[in-house]
Amino acid sequence: MRGLITWLLQVAAVTRFGLMSVPRRLGSVAATVIGIAGVVAVLVGILSMAIGFTQAMTASGSEDRAIILRSGADSEMVSGLDHEATRVIADAPGVARGSNGPLSSAELYVMINVPKRSTGTDANVPLRGVDLAALQVRGNIKILEGRVNEPGKNEVIAGVGAAQEFDGLEIGKTIKVGQSQVGQSQWPVVGIFSAGGGTAESEIWTDAHLLQGAFARQDTYQSVYVKLNSAGAFQAFKDALTSDPRLNVKVQRESEYFSEHSVVLTELIDTLGVLIASLMAVGAVFGALNTMYSAVAARTREIATLRALGFGGGAIVVSLMLESLALALAGGCLGGGLAWLAFNNFHTSTMNWQSFSQVAFAFRVTPGLLLEGMTWAAGIGLIGGLFPAIRAARLPIAAALREL
C-alpha cells in the first residue's frame, strides 16, 4: 500500500512539473489544443445535424397513431388510395372517435416550389391536403399565429419550420397552388402552426378536397392517418385492414414510418462526420506527438534527475500521458464549446431523399454528443502522448544528464 501511495505521489509530482512548464512552450501547446478543438468542433457540428434531423423525424411519430399506404409503397409520394378505401379504413376496429366521427384523415401529398430564404432558389416543399379531423388525429398541432384554414376555402396554413426557411409563407402572403395545365391560383396563408418539432412543421396544409381539384386528382388520396384507441390497439387494427378483401394496403405505426424515413440521411451524415473527423484526428495526433516530444526534449535533464532520485519509469510514462491527456481535454472543451455556440439550435433544411421533400429542423448539440467529442479528444491525447512518454522513460540516466 505504501509503495502504491509513493508511486501516485511521483506521478502527481511529475505531472505538476510538466503542466507548470506549459507557458515555456506555449506555441506548440496552443497548436495542439487548437488542432484537437478543431476535430471536436467539426465532429460535434456534423453529428448534431444528424441528431437534429432524427429528432425532427421521431417527434413526428406516435405509438397510438397509424399511417396507411397502398401495399408496396414506401412513401406517400408513390402511394394511392381511392375514396372507398379511406372510408373502410375510418370504420375499422380500433380507430378512436371524436364528437364528429372517426379520428381519421385521408390526405393528399404534393410538392410545390417555394424559394428558400437563404439562397432564393426554389425547393420542394410538401403541400398536404387534410381532412377536418387532421388536427385531432395529430394531437400536437398548435396555431401560433393567425387561424386554421376554413374548409371549402382556398386557404393554407404553414408549419413554423417552413415559414422560417422559405420565403412567402408569412400570414397575408399568397402561394401558387395547382398544375400549370390545369391552372394555378393564388392561395393566401392564414395561419402558422407548430407540431411538437415534427416534420409537419416543414409542410403547408390545406383542404384535401380543394387540393384534389387543383391538381386534377379526382377523388383519390395517398395516405390515411388515424388515431387509435390506444397503442395496444394497433395489431388488431392492422390485422383487420390487411385481411379485408376490399383493401390492398400497408399499415404502419406512425413512429415506425418516420423512423424508417430518417435512416438514409442520418447514416450518411454520421458516416461523413466520422470520416472527416478521423482525417482531422490523424493530423491532431501528429500535433500532439510533436508537442510531447518537444516537452520531453526540453525536460531531458529534469527527467533524468528524477530518475536518478528514484522516480520509476512507470511514473514518468503515466505522468507524461496525463499531461498529454490534460492538453487534449482542454482542446476538447474548447471545441465542444465552439460547436455548441455555433451549431446548437441552428435552423436549416435539407432534402429527405426518401420523400424528395425539404425537411426543416434544428441542429442539436446534446450532452451525449459532447461526451463523444471529449472521448475523441482523450483518445487523440493518449495516442499522442504514449510514444514520447515511453521514450522519456527509456532515456539512459547518465547520457541524459550530460545533455544540455
Protein backbone atom coordinates (compact mmCIF):
# COMPACT_ATOMS: atom_id res chain seq x y z
CA MET A 1 0.00 0.00 0.00
CA ARG A 2 2.82 2.38 0.90
CA GLY A 3 4.51 1.60 -2.42
CA LEU A 4 1.34 2.48 -4.33
CA ILE A 5 1.00 5.79 -2.48
CA THR A 6 4.65 6.60 -3.23
CA TRP A 7 4.12 5.80 -6.90
CA LEU A 8 0.99 8.00 -7.07
CA LEU A 9 2.85 10.87 -5.42
CA GLN A 10 5.62 10.50 -8.00
CA VAL A 11 3.07 10.61 -10.81
CA ALA A 12 1.41 13.71 -9.31
CA ALA A 13 4.75 15.48 -8.85
CA VAL A 14 5.99 14.85 -12.40
CA THR A 15 2.61 15.78 -13.87
CA ARG A 16 2.58 19.02 -11.88
CA PHE A 17 6.08 19.93 -13.09
CA GLY A 18 5.03 19.21 -16.68
CA LEU A 19 1.92 21.37 -16.55
CA MET A 20 3.85 24.20 -14.90
CA SER A 21 6.24 24.17 -17.86
CA VAL A 22 3.44 24.73 -20.40
CA PRO A 23 3.97 28.55 -20.59
CA ARG A 24 7.57 27.95 -21.74
CA ARG A 25 6.34 26.04 -24.81
CA LEU A 26 3.11 27.90 -25.39
CA GLY A 27 3.35 27.86 -29.19
CA SER A 28 3.43 24.09 -29.66
CA VAL A 29 0.89 23.54 -26.88
CA ALA A 30 -1.53 26.06 -28.42
CA ALA A 31 -1.20 24.40 -31.83
CA THR A 32 -2.08 21.02 -30.33
CA VAL A 33 -5.02 22.33 -28.30
CA ILE A 34 -6.44 24.22 -31.28
CA GLY A 35 -5.96 21.19 -33.56
CA ILE A 36 -7.87 18.93 -31.19
CA ALA A 37 -10.52 21.62 -30.70
CA GLY A 38 -11.00 21.69 -34.47
CA VAL A 39 -11.52 17.92 -34.61
CA VAL A 40 -14.10 18.01 -31.82
CA ALA A 41 -15.91 21.06 -33.22
CA VAL A 42 -16.23 19.51 -36.69
CA LEU A 43 -17.30 16.12 -35.34
CA VAL A 44 -19.89 17.56 -32.95
CA GLY A 45 -21.14 20.06 -35.53
CA ILE A 46 -21.73 17.47 -38.24
CA LEU A 47 -23.25 14.86 -35.95
CA SER A 48 -25.53 17.48 -34.37
CA MET A 49 -27.13 17.80 -37.78
CA ALA A 50 -27.93 14.07 -37.81
CA ILE A 51 -29.32 14.24 -34.27
CA GLY A 52 -31.47 17.26 -35.12
CA PHE A 53 -32.85 15.59 -38.25
CA THR A 54 -33.55 12.34 -36.37
CA GLN A 55 -35.30 14.20 -33.55
CA ALA A 56 -37.47 16.04 -36.06
CA MET A 57 -38.47 12.74 -37.67
CA THR A 58 -39.05 10.81 -34.45
CA ALA A 59 -41.00 13.71 -32.93
CA SER A 60 -43.47 13.22 -35.77
CA GLY A 61 -44.37 9.69 -34.78
CA SER A 62 -46.63 8.31 -32.08
CA GLU A 63 -47.30 4.74 -30.99
CA ASP A 64 -51.07 5.31 -30.94
CA ARG A 65 -51.25 6.72 -34.45
CA ALA A 66 -51.04 4.74 -37.68
CA ILE A 67 -50.43 5.60 -41.31
CA ILE A 68 -51.96 3.56 -44.12
CA LEU A 69 -50.47 3.49 -47.62
CA ARG A 70 -51.06 1.39 -50.71
CA SER A 71 -49.39 -2.01 -50.38
CA GLY A 72 -45.80 -1.90 -51.67
CA ALA A 73 -45.45 1.88 -51.26
CA ASP A 74 -42.53 3.09 -49.16
CA SER A 75 -43.64 6.71 -49.03
CA GLU A 76 -46.73 8.84 -49.54
CA MET A 77 -45.38 10.11 -52.86
CA VAL A 78 -45.83 6.71 -54.53
CA SER A 79 -48.99 5.67 -52.74
CA GLY A 80 -52.59 5.87 -53.90
CA LEU A 81 -55.94 5.14 -52.25
CA ASP A 82 -59.47 5.66 -53.56
CA HIS A 83 -62.30 7.19 -51.57
CA GLU A 84 -63.92 3.84 -50.77
CA ALA A 85 -60.68 2.56 -49.24
CA THR A 86 -60.39 5.61 -46.99
CA ARG A 87 -63.98 5.07 -45.79
CA VAL A 88 -63.31 1.42 -44.95
CA ILE A 89 -60.14 2.41 -43.05
CA ALA A 90 -62.02 5.04 -40.99
CA ASP A 91 -64.59 2.42 -39.93
CA ALA A 92 -62.01 -0.21 -38.92
CA PRO A 93 -61.91 -1.53 -35.34
CA GLY A 94 -59.53 0.30 -33.02
CA VAL A 95 -59.95 3.76 -34.57
CA ALA A 96 -60.68 6.40 -31.93
CA ARG A 97 -63.78 8.51 -32.34
CA GLY A 98 -64.45 12.15 -31.63
CA SER A 99 -67.63 14.19 -31.49
CA ASN A 100 -67.74 14.37 -35.31
CA GLY A 101 -66.91 10.73 -36.04
CA PRO A 102 -63.77 8.62 -36.54
CA LEU A 103 -60.42 10.32 -35.94
CA SER A 104 -59.22 9.56 -39.45
CA SER A 105 -57.73 11.91 -42.00
CA ALA A 106 -57.48 10.94 -45.68
CA GLU A 107 -54.66 13.03 -47.10
CA LEU A 108 -53.13 14.17 -50.35
CA TYR A 109 -49.39 14.91 -50.55
CA VAL A 110 -47.93 17.02 -53.39
CA MET A 111 -44.82 19.12 -53.91
CA ILE A 112 -44.75 22.80 -54.79
CA ASN A 113 -41.80 25.09 -55.47
CA VAL A 114 -41.13 27.71 -52.81
CA PRO A 115 -37.93 29.82 -52.76
CA LYS A 116 -35.51 29.39 -49.86
CA ARG A 117 -34.86 32.50 -47.80
CA SER A 118 -31.10 31.88 -47.68
CA THR A 119 -30.47 31.33 -51.40
CA GLY A 120 -33.60 32.39 -53.26
CA THR A 121 -33.58 29.09 -55.17
CA ASP A 122 -36.74 27.01 -55.43
CA ALA A 123 -37.09 23.95 -53.22
CA ASN A 124 -39.65 21.15 -52.99
CA VAL A 125 -41.97 21.93 -50.10
CA PRO A 126 -44.76 19.47 -49.18
CA LEU A 127 -48.30 20.75 -49.61
CA ARG A 128 -50.60 18.43 -47.70
CA GLY A 129 -54.34 18.22 -48.16
CA VAL A 130 -56.00 17.08 -44.93
CA ASP A 131 -59.47 16.28 -43.60
CA LEU A 132 -61.28 18.14 -40.83
CA ALA A 133 -60.13 15.59 -38.25
CA ALA A 134 -56.41 16.07 -39.02
CA LEU A 135 -55.72 18.35 -36.07
CA GLN A 136 -57.36 15.88 -33.66
CA VAL A 137 -55.58 12.93 -35.25
CA ARG A 138 -52.14 14.53 -34.88
CA GLY A 139 -52.95 15.89 -31.42
CA ASN A 140 -49.87 18.16 -31.25
CA ILE A 141 -50.85 20.84 -33.77
CA LYS A 142 -50.96 24.34 -32.29
CA ILE A 143 -51.79 27.53 -34.15
CA LEU A 144 -49.06 30.03 -33.29
CA GLU A 145 -50.27 32.91 -35.46
CA GLY A 146 -53.45 33.58 -37.39
CA ARG A 147 -56.10 30.88 -37.62
CA VAL A 148 -56.90 27.47 -39.09
CA ASN A 149 -57.83 27.40 -42.76
CA GLU A 150 -61.56 27.12 -43.35
CA PRO A 151 -62.87 24.02 -45.19
CA GLY A 152 -64.02 24.83 -48.70
CA LYS A 153 -61.85 27.93 -48.99
CA ASN A 154 -58.63 28.26 -50.96
CA GLU A 155 -56.51 28.92 -47.87
CA VAL A 156 -53.35 27.37 -46.42
CA ILE A 157 -51.56 27.23 -43.08
CA ALA A 158 -47.78 26.86 -42.92
CA GLY A 159 -45.62 24.96 -40.46
CA VAL A 160 -43.35 27.16 -38.37
CA GLY A 161 -40.23 25.46 -39.78
CA ALA A 162 -41.35 26.06 -43.36
CA ALA A 163 -42.20 29.69 -42.57
CA GLN A 164 -38.71 30.25 -41.17
CA GLU A 165 -36.85 28.57 -44.02
CA PHE A 166 -38.89 29.51 -47.08
CA ASP A 167 -39.96 32.86 -48.49
CA GLY A 168 -43.55 33.99 -48.92
CA LEU A 169 -45.13 31.91 -46.14
CA GLU A 170 -45.93 34.80 -43.80
CA ILE A 171 -49.57 35.44 -42.89
CA GLY A 172 -51.18 37.57 -45.60
CA LYS A 173 -48.82 36.37 -48.34
CA THR A 174 -50.04 34.05 -51.10
CA ILE A 175 -48.60 30.95 -52.76
CA LYS A 176 -49.25 29.44 -56.17
CA VAL A 177 -51.22 26.19 -55.99
CA GLY A 178 -52.15 23.92 -58.90
CA GLN A 179 -50.73 22.41 -62.05
CA SER A 180 -49.86 24.67 -64.95
CA GLN A 181 -52.02 22.68 -67.38
CA VAL A 182 -54.99 22.92 -65.01
CA GLY A 183 -54.36 26.49 -63.99
CA GLN A 184 -52.64 27.90 -60.95
CA SER A 185 -54.22 30.25 -58.46
CA GLN A 186 -53.00 32.27 -55.50
CA TRP A 187 -53.97 30.87 -52.11
CA PRO A 188 -53.45 33.07 -49.02
CA VAL A 189 -51.53 31.97 -45.93
CA VAL A 190 -53.88 32.41 -42.96
CA GLY A 191 -52.00 30.70 -40.12
CA ILE A 192 -48.68 29.42 -38.80
CA PHE A 193 -48.67 26.19 -36.77
CA SER A 194 -46.28 24.07 -34.72
CA ALA A 195 -46.25 20.28 -34.46
CA GLY A 196 -44.08 19.50 -31.46
CA GLY A 197 -40.90 19.79 -33.53
CA GLY A 198 -42.02 17.12 -36.03
CA THR A 199 -41.80 17.09 -39.80
CA ALA A 200 -45.29 18.55 -40.17
CA GLU A 201 -43.64 21.87 -39.28
CA SER A 202 -41.91 21.66 -42.68
CA GLU A 203 -45.23 21.36 -44.53
CA ILE A 204 -48.06 23.54 -45.79
CA TRP A 205 -51.61 22.33 -45.09
CA THR A 206 -54.90 22.93 -46.84
CA ASP A 207 -58.27 21.30 -47.50
CA ALA A 208 -57.78 17.89 -49.18
CA HIS A 209 -60.87 18.21 -51.42
CA LEU A 210 -59.74 21.57 -52.79
CA LEU A 211 -56.23 20.25 -53.38
CA GLN A 212 -57.65 17.34 -55.37
CA GLY A 213 -59.29 19.79 -57.72
CA ALA A 214 -56.20 22.00 -58.00
CA PHE A 215 -54.05 19.05 -59.08
CA ALA A 216 -56.72 17.10 -61.02
CA ARG A 217 -56.56 14.12 -58.65
CA GLN A 218 -60.29 13.33 -58.80
CA ASP A 219 -61.38 11.56 -55.62
CA THR A 220 -58.08 9.90 -54.74
CA TYR A 221 -55.73 10.17 -51.79
CA GLN A 222 -52.23 8.99 -50.95
CA SER A 223 -52.43 8.14 -47.28
CA VAL A 224 -54.72 7.90 -44.29
CA TYR A 225 -53.65 8.90 -40.78
CA VAL A 226 -55.71 7.52 -37.89
CA LYS A 227 -55.73 7.99 -34.14
CA LEU A 228 -56.15 4.65 -32.35
CA ASN A 229 -57.92 3.98 -29.07
CA SER A 230 -54.54 3.03 -27.62
CA ALA A 231 -51.09 1.89 -28.72
CA GLY A 232 -52.15 -1.69 -27.93
CA ALA A 233 -54.99 -1.49 -30.48
CA PHE A 234 -52.55 -1.33 -33.39
CA GLN A 235 -52.18 -5.05 -34.12
CA ALA A 236 -55.93 -5.71 -34.23
CA PHE A 237 -56.38 -2.65 -36.43
CA LYS A 238 -53.63 -3.79 -38.78
CA ASP A 239 -54.97 -7.35 -38.98
CA ALA A 240 -58.46 -6.07 -39.79
CA LEU A 241 -57.21 -3.96 -42.70
CA THR A 242 -54.70 -6.40 -44.19
CA SER A 243 -57.26 -9.23 -44.14
CA ASP A 244 -60.05 -7.16 -45.69
CA PRO A 245 -60.51 -8.26 -49.36
CA ARG A 246 -61.64 -4.76 -50.32
CA LEU A 247 -58.24 -3.30 -49.43
CA ASN A 248 -54.67 -3.64 -50.63
CA VAL A 249 -52.85 -1.62 -48.02
CA LYS A 250 -49.70 -1.33 -45.91
CA VAL A 251 -50.25 -0.42 -42.26
CA GLN A 252 -47.50 1.02 -40.03
CA ARG A 253 -47.26 2.77 -36.73
CA GLU A 254 -46.56 6.42 -37.41
CA SER A 255 -43.42 6.24 -35.25
CA GLU A 256 -42.08 3.31 -37.30
CA TYR A 257 -42.81 5.04 -40.59
CA PHE A 258 -40.94 8.24 -39.71
CA SER A 259 -38.08 6.33 -38.09
CA GLU A 260 -37.51 4.46 -41.35
CA HIS A 261 -37.50 7.73 -43.28
CA SER A 262 -34.71 9.16 -41.16
CA VAL A 263 -32.30 6.24 -41.65
CA VAL A 264 -30.75 7.05 -45.04
CA LEU A 265 -29.79 10.66 -44.36
CA THR A 266 -28.78 10.02 -40.75
CA GLU A 267 -26.41 7.21 -41.72
CA LEU A 268 -24.93 9.34 -44.50
CA ILE A 269 -24.29 12.28 -42.14
CA ASP A 270 -22.85 10.02 -39.43
CA THR A 271 -20.50 8.32 -41.91
CA LEU A 272 -19.26 11.60 -43.38
CA GLY A 273 -18.86 13.15 -39.94
CA VAL A 274 -16.75 10.30 -38.61
CA LEU A 275 -14.70 10.14 -41.83
CA ILE A 276 -13.89 13.86 -41.81
CA ALA A 277 -13.15 13.85 -38.08
CA SER A 278 -10.91 10.80 -38.48
CA LEU A 279 -8.83 12.51 -41.15
CA MET A 280 -8.50 15.60 -38.99
CA ALA A 281 -7.71 13.44 -35.96
CA VAL A 282 -4.67 11.99 -37.74
CA GLY A 283 -3.26 15.49 -38.04
CA ALA A 284 -4.14 16.26 -34.43
CA VAL A 285 -2.32 13.11 -33.26
CA PHE A 286 0.84 14.21 -35.06
CA GLY A 287 0.45 17.62 -33.44
CA ALA A 288 0.20 16.01 -30.01
CA LEU A 289 3.21 13.82 -30.76
CA ASN A 290 5.22 16.87 -31.76
CA THR A 291 4.20 18.74 -28.61
CA MET A 292 5.04 15.89 -26.26
CA TYR A 293 8.33 15.06 -27.99
CA SER A 294 9.24 18.75 -27.62
CA ALA A 295 8.28 18.58 -23.95
CA VAL A 296 10.48 15.52 -23.42
CA ALA A 297 13.40 17.13 -25.25
CA ALA A 298 13.10 20.31 -23.19
CA ARG A 299 12.95 18.37 -19.94
CA THR A 300 15.58 15.71 -20.63
CA ARG A 301 17.83 16.76 -17.73
CA GLU A 302 14.83 17.16 -15.41
CA ILE A 303 13.52 13.68 -16.23
CA ALA A 304 16.99 12.14 -15.81
CA THR A 305 17.38 13.86 -12.45
CA LEU A 306 14.06 12.48 -11.28
CA ARG A 307 15.07 9.02 -12.42
CA ALA A 308 18.37 9.36 -10.51
CA LEU A 309 16.41 10.35 -7.39
CA GLY A 310 14.43 7.13 -7.59
CA PHE A 311 11.38 8.07 -9.67
CA GLY A 312 10.26 4.96 -11.59
CA GLY A 313 9.93 4.74 -15.35
CA GLY A 314 6.26 3.83 -14.99
CA ALA A 315 5.56 7.04 -13.08
CA ILE A 316 7.29 9.04 -15.84
CA VAL A 317 5.20 7.35 -18.56
CA VAL A 318 1.90 7.85 -16.75
CA SER A 319 2.65 11.48 -15.83
CA LEU A 320 3.54 12.45 -19.40
CA MET A 321 0.42 10.72 -20.72
CA LEU A 322 -1.67 12.54 -18.12
CA GLU A 323 -0.12 15.82 -19.28
CA SER A 324 -0.97 14.99 -22.88
CA LEU A 325 -4.48 13.97 -21.82
CA ALA A 326 -4.97 17.26 -19.96
CA LEU A 327 -3.99 19.28 -23.03
CA ALA A 328 -6.28 17.15 -25.20
CA LEU A 329 -9.23 17.58 -22.86
CA ALA A 330 -8.64 21.33 -22.86
CA GLY A 331 -8.87 21.20 -26.65
CA GLY A 332 -11.98 19.03 -26.39
CA CYS A 333 -13.67 21.51 -24.06
CA LEU A 334 -12.79 24.36 -26.38
CA GLY A 335 -14.06 22.51 -29.46
CA GLY A 336 -17.24 21.38 -27.73
CA GLY A 337 -17.95 24.90 -26.53
CA LEU A 338 -17.42 26.34 -30.00
CA ALA A 339 -19.68 23.68 -31.54
CA TRP A 340 -22.41 24.41 -29.01
CA LEU A 341 -22.25 28.15 -29.65
CA ALA A 342 -22.14 27.78 -33.43
CA PHE A 343 -24.49 24.88 -34.09
CA ASN A 344 -26.95 24.27 -31.26
CA ASN A 345 -30.47 25.29 -32.39
CA PHE A 346 -29.14 26.43 -35.77
CA HIS A 347 -32.14 26.13 -38.10
CA THR A 348 -31.79 24.80 -41.61
CA SER A 349 -33.48 22.48 -44.07
CA THR A 350 -32.31 19.54 -46.12
CA MET A 351 -33.62 17.05 -48.61
CA ASN A 352 -35.26 13.91 -47.28
CA TRP A 353 -34.14 11.51 -50.01
CA GLN A 354 -36.95 9.06 -49.29
CA SER A 355 -39.71 11.59 -49.90
CA PHE A 356 -37.74 14.10 -52.05
CA SER A 357 -39.04 16.97 -49.94
CA GLN A 358 -37.36 19.59 -47.80
CA VAL A 359 -37.39 19.00 -44.05
CA ALA A 360 -36.76 21.97 -41.77
CA PHE A 361 -35.03 21.15 -38.49
CA ALA A 362 -32.59 22.49 -35.90
CA PHE A 363 -29.10 21.18 -35.11
CA ARG A 364 -28.97 19.57 -31.66
CA VAL A 365 -25.73 19.55 -29.64
CA THR A 366 -26.63 17.10 -26.89
CA PRO A 367 -24.66 16.14 -23.74
CA GLY A 368 -24.08 12.71 -25.25
CA LEU A 369 -22.60 14.26 -28.37
CA LEU A 370 -20.30 16.48 -26.31
CA LEU A 371 -19.20 13.41 -24.37
CA GLU A 372 -18.42 11.66 -27.65
CA GLY A 373 -16.31 14.64 -28.72
CA MET A 374 -14.42 14.56 -25.41
CA THR A 375 -13.81 10.84 -25.89
CA TRP A 376 -12.25 11.55 -29.28
CA ALA A 377 -10.10 14.27 -27.71
CA ALA A 378 -8.96 11.92 -24.94
CA GLY A 379 -8.06 9.23 -27.48
CA ILE A 380 -6.01 11.70 -29.51
CA GLY A 381 -4.22 12.88 -26.37
CA LEU A 382 -3.40 9.39 -25.12
CA ILE A 383 -2.11 8.23 -28.50
CA GLY A 384 -0.12 11.43 -28.95
CA GLY A 385 1.46 11.13 -25.51
CA LEU A 386 2.25 7.40 -25.49
CA PHE A 387 5.39 7.21 -27.60
CA PRO A 388 7.07 10.36 -26.22
CA ALA A 389 6.34 9.05 -22.70
CA ILE A 390 7.94 5.70 -23.47
CA ARG A 391 10.99 7.45 -24.94
CA ALA A 392 11.33 9.59 -21.82
CA ALA A 393 11.18 6.55 -19.54
CA ARG A 394 13.86 4.77 -21.55
CA LEU A 395 16.38 7.63 -21.58
CA PRO A 396 19.73 6.41 -20.16
CA ILE A 397 20.17 8.41 -16.95
CA ALA A 398 23.88 9.12 -17.36
CA ALA A 399 23.55 10.16 -21.02
CA ALA A 400 20.54 12.33 -20.30
CA LEU A 401 22.35 14.18 -17.52
CA ARG A 402 25.11 15.13 -19.95
CA GLU A 403 22.59 16.76 -22.38
CA LEU A 404 22.02 20.49 -22.41
